[in-house]
Amino acid sequence: MRRRSQNKTIAISITLDRNIIDELDEILSAKQSRSKFIQNCIEAKLNGGNFVHEADTKQLMASLASRTDCDQFLKKLLMQILLS
């Protein structure tokens, strides 16, 4: 017998501006789900996550400095500014 999920999904209907749907469709691949993307965004917000546009400058700079694709010069410069 198949085990049922403890957290069932429920279909809802929402209304979004057409341009939002178009932008979403541009960033999602054909195999990615709009529903899953929206669910992840809502969960992130409910769990206290900040979106880029909500972060202050120091938070953004600290995030950039901690990225692995940030070169050492930029990392050092960001840290100097953050610690000043």
PDB file of N, CA and C in Angstrom:
ATOM      1  N   MET A   1       0.835  -1.167   0.000  1.00  0.00           N
ATOM      2  CA  MET A   1       0.000   0.000   0.000  1.00  0.00           C
ATOM      3  C   MET A   1       0.894   1.249   0.000  1.00  0.00           C
ATOM      4  N   ARG A   2       0.521   2.236  -0.800  1.00  0.00           N
ATOM      5  CA  ARG A   2       1.269   3.481  -0.893  1.00  0.00           C
ATOM      6  C   ARG A   2       1.066   4.335   0.346  1.00  0.00           C
ATOM      7  N   ARG A   3       2.159   4.877   0.835  1.00  0.00           N
ATOM      8  CA  ARG A   3       2.089   5.732   2.014  1.00  0.00           C
ATOM      9  C   ARG A   3       1.618   7.132   1.614  1.00  0.00           C
ATOM     10  N   ARG A   4       0.660   7.658   2.326  1.00  0.00           N
ATOM     11  CA  ARG A   4       0.135   8.988   2.020  1.00  0.00           C
ATOM     12  C   ARG A   4       1.003  10.068   2.660  1.00  0.00           C
ATOM     13  N   SER A   5       1.123  11.157   1.965  1.00  0.00           N
ATOM     14  CA  SER A   5       1.891  12.289   2.462  1.00  0.00           C
ATOM     15  C   SER A   5       1.209  12.881   3.687  1.00  0.00           C
ATOM     16  N   GLN A   6       2.018  13.263   4.657  1.00  0.00           N
ATOM     17  CA  GLN A   6       1.471  13.896   5.866  1.00  0.00           C
ATOM     18  C   GLN A   6       0.973  15.311   5.565  1.00  0.00           C
ATOM     19  N   ASN A   7       1.595  15.961   4.586  1.00  0.00           N
ATOM     20  CA  ASN A   7       1.267  17.340   4.270  1.00  0.00           C
ATOM     21  C   ASN A   7       0.686  17.404   2.857  1.00  0.00           C
ATOM     22  N   LYS A   8      -0.600  17.255   2.762  1.00  0.00           N
ATOM     23  CA  LYS A   8      -1.261  17.228   1.456  1.00  0.00           C
ATOM     24  C   LYS A   8      -1.275  18.610   0.818  1.00  0.00           C
ATOM     25  N   THR A   9      -1.224  18.636  -0.483  1.00  0.00           N
ATOM     26  CA  THR A   9      -1.340  19.900  -1.195  1.00  0.00           C
ATOM     27  C   THR A   9      -2.804  20.159  -1.521  1.00  0.00           C
ATOM     28  N   ILE A  10      -3.133  21.433  -1.615  1.00  0.00           N
ATOM     29  CA  ILE A  10      -4.493  21.843  -1.926  1.00  0.00           C
ATOM     30  C   ILE A  10      -4.421  22.818  -3.100  1.00  0.00           C
ATOM     31  N   ALA A  11      -5.220  22.585  -4.105  1.00  0.00           N
ATOM     32  CA  ALA A  11      -5.263  23.485  -5.256  1.00  0.00           C
ATOM     33  C   ALA A  11      -6.014  24.755  -4.867  1.00  0.00           C
ATOM     34  N   ILE A  12      -5.408  25.897  -5.197  1.00  0.00           N
ATOM     35  CA  ILE A  12      -6.070  27.190  -4.983  1.00  0.00           C
ATOM     36  C   ILE A  12      -6.011  27.979  -6.286  1.00  0.00           C
ATOM     37  N   SER A  13      -6.763  29.020  -6.330  1.00  0.00           N
ATOM     38  CA  SER A  13      -6.748  29.885  -7.502  1.00  0.00           C
ATOM     39  C   SER A  13      -6.314  31.276  -7.069  1.00  0.00           C
ATOM     40  N   ILE A  14      -5.342  31.852  -7.772  1.00  0.00           N
ATOM     41  CA  ILE A  14      -4.908  33.221  -7.488  1.00  0.00           C
ATOM     42  C   ILE A  14      -4.896  34.007  -8.795  1.00  0.00           C
ATOM     43  N   THR A  15      -4.975  35.309  -8.664  1.00  0.00           N
ATOM     44  CA  THR A  15      -4.940  36.176  -9.827  1.00  0.00           C
ATOM     45  C   THR A  15      -3.651  36.982  -9.784  1.00  0.00           C
ATOM     46  N   LEU A  16      -2.900  36.928 -10.878  1.00  0.00           N
ATOM     47  CA  LEU A  16      -1.647  37.669 -10.984  1.00  0.00           C
ATOM     48  C   LEU A  16      -1.653  38.488 -12.260  1.00  0.00           C
ATOM     49  N   ASP A  17      -0.917  39.593 -12.238  1.00  0.00           N
ATOM     50  CA  ASP A  17      -0.775  40.394 -13.454  1.00  0.00           C
ATOM     51  C   ASP A  17      -0.104  39.555 -14.538  1.00  0.00           C
ATOM     52  N   ARG A  18      -0.505  39.774 -15.767  1.00  0.00           N
ATOM     53  CA  ARG A  18       0.034  39.026 -16.909  1.00  0.00           C
ATOM     54  C   ARG A  18       1.552  39.161 -17.004  1.00  0.00           C
ATOM     55  N   ASN A  19       2.071  40.374 -16.723  1.00  0.00           N
ATOM     56  CA  ASN A  19       3.523  40.566 -16.826  1.00  0.00           C
ATOM     57  C   ASN A  19       4.283  39.746 -15.783  1.00  0.00           C
ATOM     58  N   ILE A  20       3.681  39.507 -14.634  1.00  0.00           N
ATOM     59  CA  ILE A  20       4.317  38.661 -13.613  1.00  0.00           C
ATOM     60  C   ILE A  20       4.391  37.220 -14.118  1.00  0.00           C
ATOM     61  N   ILE A  21       3.325  36.734 -14.691  1.00  0.00           N
ATOM     62  CA  ILE A  21       3.302  35.372 -15.249  1.00  0.00           C
ATOM     63  C   ILE A  21       4.322  35.244 -16.374  1.00  0.00           C
ATOM     64  N   ASP A  22       4.396  36.255 -17.238  1.00  0.00           N
ATOM     65  CA  ASP A  22       5.369  36.220 -18.336  1.00  0.00           C
ATOM     66  C   ASP A  22       6.799  36.169 -17.812  1.00  0.00           C
ATOM     67  N   GLU A  23       7.108  36.992 -16.791  1.00  0.00           N
ATOM     68  CA  GLU A  23       8.455  36.983 -16.199  1.00  0.00           C
ATOM     69  C   GLU A  23       8.759  35.631 -15.551  1.00  0.00           C
ATOM     70  N   LEU A  24       7.776  35.093 -14.848  1.00  0.00           N
ATOM     71  CA  LEU A  24       7.950  33.797 -14.202  1.00  0.00           C
ATOM     72  C   LEU A  24       8.221  32.706 -15.237  1.00  0.00           C
ATOM     73  N   ASP A  25       7.456  32.721 -16.308  1.00  0.00           N
ATOM     74  CA  ASP A  25       7.644  31.727 -17.367  1.00  0.00           C
ATOM     75  C   ASP A  25       9.011  31.855 -18.041  1.00  0.00           C
ATOM     76  N   GLU A  26       9.557  33.067 -18.085  1.00  0.00           N
ATOM     77  CA  GLU A  26      10.872  33.272 -18.685  1.00  0.00           C
ATOM     78  C   GLU A  26      11.983  32.661 -17.845  1.00  0.00           C
ATOM     79  N   ILE A  27      11.838  32.709 -16.518  1.00  0.00           N
ATOM     80  CA  ILE A  27      12.922  32.193 -15.668  1.00  0.00           C
ATOM     81  C   ILE A  27      12.786  30.707 -15.352  1.00  0.00           C
ATOM     82  N   LEU A  28      11.602  30.146 -15.488  1.00  0.00           N
ATOM     83  CA  LEU A  28      11.415  28.727 -15.213  1.00  0.00           C
ATOM     84  C   LEU A  28      11.654  27.903 -16.474  1.00  0.00           C
ATOM     85  N   SER A  29      12.297  26.755 -16.291  1.00  0.00           N
ATOM     86  CA  SER A  29      12.461  25.859 -17.432  1.00  0.00           C
ATOM     87  C   SER A  29      11.136  25.133 -17.678  1.00  0.00           C
ATOM     88  N   ALA A  30      11.056  24.439 -18.801  1.00  0.00           N
ATOM     89  CA  ALA A  30       9.817  23.733 -19.157  1.00  0.00           C
ATOM     90  C   ALA A  30       9.444  22.677 -18.115  1.00  0.00           C
ATOM     91  N   LYS A  31      10.428  22.154 -17.398  1.00  0.00           N
ATOM     92  CA  LYS A  31      10.163  21.092 -16.416  1.00  0.00           C
ATOM     93  C   LYS A  31       9.917  21.628 -15.010  1.00  0.00           C
ATOM     94  N   GLN A  32      10.106  22.937 -14.804  1.00  0.00           N
ATOM     95  CA  GLN A  32       9.893  23.503 -13.480  1.00  0.00           C
ATOM     96  C   GLN A  32       8.427  23.901 -13.302  1.00  0.00           C
ATOM     97  N   SER A  33       7.968  23.812 -12.079  1.00  0.00           N
ATOM     98  CA  SER A  33       6.574  24.058 -11.749  1.00  0.00           C
ATOM     99  C   SER A  33       6.365  25.471 -11.206  1.00  0.00           C
ATOM    100  N   ARG A  34       5.379  26.172 -11.765  1.00  0.00           N
ATOM    101  CA  ARG A  34       5.005  27.475 -11.218  1.00  0.00           C
ATOM    102  C   ARG A  34       4.576  27.327  -9.762  1.00  0.00           C
ATOM    103  N   SER A  35       3.775  26.304  -9.510  1.00  0.00           N
ATOM    104  CA  SER A  35       3.261  26.087  -8.156  1.00  0.00           C
ATOM    105  C   SER A  35       4.387  25.884  -7.160  1.00  0.00           C
ATOM    106  N   LYS A  36       5.369  25.080  -7.524  1.00  0.00           N
ATOM    107  CA  LYS A  36       6.493  24.811  -6.625  1.00  0.00           C
ATOM    108  C   LYS A  36       7.296  26.087  -6.386  1.00  0.00           C
ATOM    109  N   PHE A  37       7.514  26.870  -7.432  1.00  0.00           N
ATOM    110  CA  PHE A  37       8.244  28.127  -7.298  1.00  0.00           C
ATOM    111  C   PHE A  37       7.518  29.064  -6.330  1.00  0.00           C
ATOM    112  N   ILE A  38       6.214  29.224  -6.523  1.00  0.00           N
ATOM    113  CA  ILE A  38       5.427  30.104  -5.662  1.00  0.00           C
ATOM    114  C   ILE A  38       5.407  29.574  -4.228  1.00  0.00           C
ATOM    115  N   GLN A  39       5.279  28.258  -4.068  1.00  0.00           N
ATOM    116  CA  GLN A  39       5.307  27.653  -2.733  1.00  0.00           C
ATOM    117  C   GLN A  39       6.631  27.940  -2.043  1.00  0.00           C
ATOM    118  N   ASN A  40       7.754  27.785  -2.763  1.00  0.00           N
ATOM    119  CA  ASN A  40       9.073  28.047  -2.183  1.00  0.00           C
ATOM    120  C   ASN A  40       9.220  29.507  -1.766  1.00  0.00           C
ATOM    121  N   CYS A  41       8.702  30.433  -2.569  1.00  0.00           N
ATOM    122  CA  CYS A  41       8.756  31.856  -2.226  1.00  0.00           C
ATOM    123  C   CYS A  41       7.953  32.147  -0.961  1.00  0.00           C
ATOM    124  N   ILE A  42       6.773  31.579  -0.879  1.00  0.00           N
ATOM    125  CA  ILE A  42       5.928  31.795   0.298  1.00  0.00           C
ATOM    126  C   ILE A  42       6.586  31.197   1.538  1.00  0.00           C
ATOM    127  N   GLU A  43       7.118  29.987   1.435  1.00  0.00           N
ATOM    128  CA  GLU A  43       7.788  29.353   2.572  1.00  0.00           C
ATOM    129  C   GLU A  43       8.982  30.178   3.030  1.00  0.00           C
ATOM    130  N   ALA A  44       9.768  30.692   2.086  1.00  0.00           N
ATOM    131  CA  ALA A  44      10.935  31.507   2.439  1.00  0.00           C
ATOM    132  C   ALA A  44      10.500  32.753   3.212  1.00  0.00           C
ATOM    133  N   LYS A  45       9.447  33.384   2.743  1.00  0.00           N
ATOM    134  CA  LYS A  45       8.950  34.596   3.409  1.00  0.00           C
ATOM    135  C   LYS A  45       8.398  34.267   4.796  1.00  0.00           C
ATOM    136  N   LEU A  46       7.646  33.185   4.919  1.00  0.00           N
ATOM    137  CA  LEU A  46       7.075  32.802   6.211  1.00  0.00           C
ATOM    138  C   LEU A  46       8.148  32.387   7.213  1.00  0.00           C
ATOM    139  N   ASN A  47       9.275  31.890   6.711  1.00  0.00           N
ATOM    140  CA  ASN A  47      10.370  31.475   7.589  1.00  0.00           C
ATOM    141  C   ASN A  47      11.336  32.615   7.890  1.00  0.00           C
ATOM    142  N   GLY A  48      10.936  33.831   7.552  1.00  0.00           N
ATOM    143  CA  GLY A  48      11.745  34.988   7.892  1.00  0.00           C
ATOM    144  C   GLY A  48      12.822  35.326   6.886  1.00  0.00           C
ATOM    145  N   GLY A  49      12.814  34.683   5.753  1.00  0.00           N
ATOM    146  CA  GLY A  49      13.815  34.967   4.733  1.00  0.00           C
ATOM    147  C   GLY A  49      13.593  36.330   4.105  1.00  0.00           C
ATOM    148  N   ASN A  50      14.698  36.982   3.785  1.00  0.00           N
ATOM    149  CA  ASN A  50      14.624  38.273   3.106  1.00  0.00           C
ATOM    150  C   ASN A  50      14.840  38.083   1.618  1.00  0.00           C
ATOM    151  N   PHE A  51      14.146  38.869   0.841  1.00  0.00           N
ATOM    152  CA  PHE A  51      14.393  38.903  -0.584  1.00  0.00           C
ATOM    153  C   PHE A  51      15.410  40.007  -0.847  1.00  0.00           C
ATOM    154  N   VAL A  52      16.072  39.960  -1.959  1.00  0.00           N
ATOM    155  CA  VAL A  52      17.142  40.905  -2.268  1.00  0.00           C
ATOM    156  C   VAL A  52      16.678  42.343  -2.096  1.00  0.00           C
ATOM    157  N   HIS A  53      15.512  42.672  -2.595  1.00  0.00           N
ATOM    158  CA  HIS A  53      15.051  44.059  -2.509  1.00  0.00           C
ATOM    159  C   HIS A  53      14.731  44.501  -1.086  1.00  0.00           C
ATOM    160  N   GLU A  54      14.662  43.568  -0.142  1.00  0.00           N
ATOM    161  CA  GLU A  54      14.379  43.914   1.249  1.00  0.00           C
ATOM    162  C   GLU A  54      15.643  44.037   2.093  1.00  0.00           C
ATOM    163  N   ALA A  55      16.756  43.554   1.581  1.00  0.00           N
ATOM    164  CA  ALA A  55      18.000  43.571   2.348  1.00  0.00           C
ATOM    165  C   ALA A  55      18.621  44.963   2.320  1.00  0.00           C
ATOM    166  N   ASP A  56      19.251  45.330   3.445  1.00  0.00           N
ATOM    167  CA  ASP A  56      19.953  46.605   3.422  1.00  0.00           C
ATOM    168  C   ASP A  56      21.323  46.410   2.764  1.00  0.00           C
ATOM    169  N   THR A  57      22.015  47.497   2.520  1.00  0.00           N
ATOM    170  CA  THR A  57      23.274  47.463   1.775  1.00  0.00           C
ATOM    171  C   THR A  57      24.318  46.576   2.452  1.00  0.00           C
ATOM    172  N   LYS A  58      24.445  46.687   3.770  1.00  0.00           N
ATOM    173  CA  LYS A  58      25.443  45.865   4.476  1.00  0.00           C
ATOM    174  C   LYS A  58      25.128  44.378   4.372  1.00  0.00           C
ATOM    175  N   GLN A  59      23.856  44.014   4.423  1.00  0.00           N
ATOM    176  CA  GLN A  59      23.480  42.606   4.269  1.00  0.00           C
ATOM    177  C   GLN A  59      23.846  42.113   2.872  1.00  0.00           C
ATOM    178  N   LEU A  60      23.593  42.926   1.862  1.00  0.00           N
ATOM    179  CA  LEU A  60      23.939  42.544   0.488  1.00  0.00           C
ATOM    180  C   LEU A  60      25.448  42.395   0.325  1.00  0.00           C
ATOM    181  N   MET A  61      26.199  43.327   0.884  1.00  0.00           N
ATOM    182  CA  MET A  61      27.661  43.266   0.777  1.00  0.00           C
ATOM    183  C   MET A  61      28.209  42.034   1.489  1.00  0.00           C
ATOM    184  N   ALA A  62      27.659  41.725   2.659  1.00  0.00           N
ATOM    185  CA  ALA A  62      28.101  40.537   3.394  1.00  0.00           C
ATOM    186  C   ALA A  62      27.781  39.270   2.614  1.00  0.00           C
ATOM    187  N   SER A  63      26.626  39.247   1.981  1.00  0.00           N
ATOM    188  CA  SER A  63      26.263  38.083   1.168  1.00  0.00           C
ATOM    189  C   SER A  63      27.202  37.926  -0.015  1.00  0.00           C
ATOM    190  N   LEU A  64      27.529  39.028  -0.666  1.00  0.00           N
ATOM    191  CA  LEU A  64      28.465  38.971  -1.789  1.00  0.00           C
ATOM    192  C   LEU A  64      29.838  38.475  -1.336  1.00  0.00           C
ATOM    193  N   ALA A  65      30.305  38.965  -0.195  1.00  0.00           N
ATOM    194  CA  ALA A  65      31.627  38.567   0.305  1.00  0.00           C
ATOM    195  C   ALA A  65      31.689  37.085   0.640  1.00  0.00           C
ATOM    196  N   SER A  66      30.561  36.483   0.990  1.00  0.00           N
ATOM    197  CA  SER A  66      30.567  35.064   1.375  1.00  0.00           C
ATOM    198  C   SER A  66      30.387  34.121   0.194  1.00  0.00           C
ATOM    199  N   ARG A  67      30.134  34.660  -0.999  1.00  0.00           N
ATOM    200  CA  ARG A  67      29.949  33.815  -2.184  1.00  0.00           C
ATOM    201  C   ARG A  67      31.277  33.225  -2.637  1.00  0.00           C
ATOM    202  N   THR A  68      31.220  32.026  -3.168  1.00  0.00           N
ATOM    203  CA  THR A  68      32.439  31.367  -3.648  1.00  0.00           C
ATOM    204  C   THR A  68      32.917  31.924  -4.983  1.00  0.00           C
ATOM    205  N   ASP A  69      32.041  32.576  -5.732  1.00  0.00           N
ATOM    206  CA  ASP A  69      32.445  33.130  -7.024  1.00  0.00           C
ATOM    207  C   ASP A  69      32.915  34.582  -6.922  1.00  0.00           C
ATOM    208  N   CYS A  70      33.098  35.090  -5.712  1.00  0.00           N
ATOM    209  CA  CYS A  70      33.592  36.448  -5.472  1.00  0.00           C
ATOM    210  C   CYS A  70      35.116  36.391  -5.400  1.00  0.00           C
ATOM    211  N   ASP A  71      35.813  37.130  -6.281  1.00  0.00           N
ATOM    212  CA  ASP A  71      37.279  37.061  -6.279  1.00  0.00           C
ATOM    213  C   ASP A  71      37.846  37.709  -5.018  1.00  0.00           C
ATOM    214  N   GLN A  72      39.093  37.405  -4.709  1.00  0.00           N
ATOM    215  CA  GLN A  72      39.710  37.820  -3.455  1.00  0.00           C
ATOM    216  C   GLN A  72      39.798  39.339  -3.310  1.00  0.00           C
ATOM    217  N   PHE A  73      40.104  40.044  -4.389  1.00  0.00           N
ATOM    218  CA  PHE A  73      40.185  41.503  -4.314  1.00  0.00           C
ATOM    219  C   PHE A  73      38.848  42.102  -3.909  1.00  0.00           C
ATOM    220  N   LEU A  74      37.787  41.668  -4.573  1.00  0.00           N
ATOM    221  CA  LEU A  74      36.459  42.180  -4.254  1.00  0.00           C
ATOM    222  C   LEU A  74      36.054  41.788  -2.835  1.00  0.00           C
ATOM    223  N   LYS A  75      36.374  40.558  -2.440  1.00  0.00           N
ATOM    224  CA  LYS A  75      36.062  40.084  -1.086  1.00  0.00           C
ATOM    225  C   LYS A  75      36.751  40.965  -0.039  1.00  0.00           C
ATOM    226  N   LYS A  76      38.035  41.270  -0.270  1.00  0.00           N
ATOM    227  CA  LYS A  76      38.801  42.099   0.666  1.00  0.00           C
ATOM    228  C   LYS A  76      38.213  43.512   0.721  1.00  0.00           C
ATOM    229  N   LEU A  77      37.885  44.070  -0.424  1.00  0.00           N
ATOM    230  CA  LEU A  77      37.292  45.400  -0.491  1.00  0.00           C
ATOM    231  C   LEU A  77      35.951  45.446   0.249  1.00  0.00           C
ATOM    232  N   LEU A  78      35.102  44.449   0.016  1.00  0.00           N
ATOM    233  CA  LEU A  78      33.809  44.391   0.706  1.00  0.00           C
ATOM    234  C   LEU A  78      33.991  44.298   2.215  1.00  0.00           C
ATOM    235  N   MET A  79      34.933  43.475   2.650  1.00  0.00           N
ATOM    236  CA  MET A  79      35.161  43.319   4.090  1.00  0.00           C
ATOM    237  C   MET A  79      35.670  44.617   4.717  1.00  0.00           C
ATOM    238  N   GLN A  80      36.550  45.339   4.014  1.00  0.00           N
ATOM    239  CA  GLN A  80      37.049  46.617   4.531  1.00  0.00           C
ATOM    240  C   GLN A  80      35.887  47.605   4.719  1.00  0.00           C
ATOM    241  N   ILE A  81      34.998  47.637   3.742  1.00  0.00           N
ATOM    242  CA  ILE A  81      33.862  48.559   3.835  1.00  0.00           C
ATOM    243  C   ILE A  81      32.907  48.115   4.932  1.00  0.00           C
ATOM    244  N   LEU A  82      32.664  46.831   5.051  1.00  0.00           N
ATOM    245  CA  LEU A  82      31.749  46.329   6.080  1.00  0.00           C
ATOM    246  C   LEU A  82      32.271  46.596   7.485  1.00  0.00           C
ATOM    247  N   LEU A  83      33.563  46.499   7.661  1.00  0.00           N
ATOM    248  CA  LEU A  83      34.147  46.658   8.998  1.00  0.00           C
ATOM    249  C   LEU A  83      34.481  48.106   9.341  1.00  0.00           C
ATOM    250  N   SER A  84      34.259  49.016   8.416  1.00  0.00           N
ATOM    251  CA  SER A  84      34.582  50.426   8.707  1.00  0.00           C
ATOM    252  C   SER A  84      33.424  51.140   9.359  1.00  0.00           C
TER     253      SER A  84
END
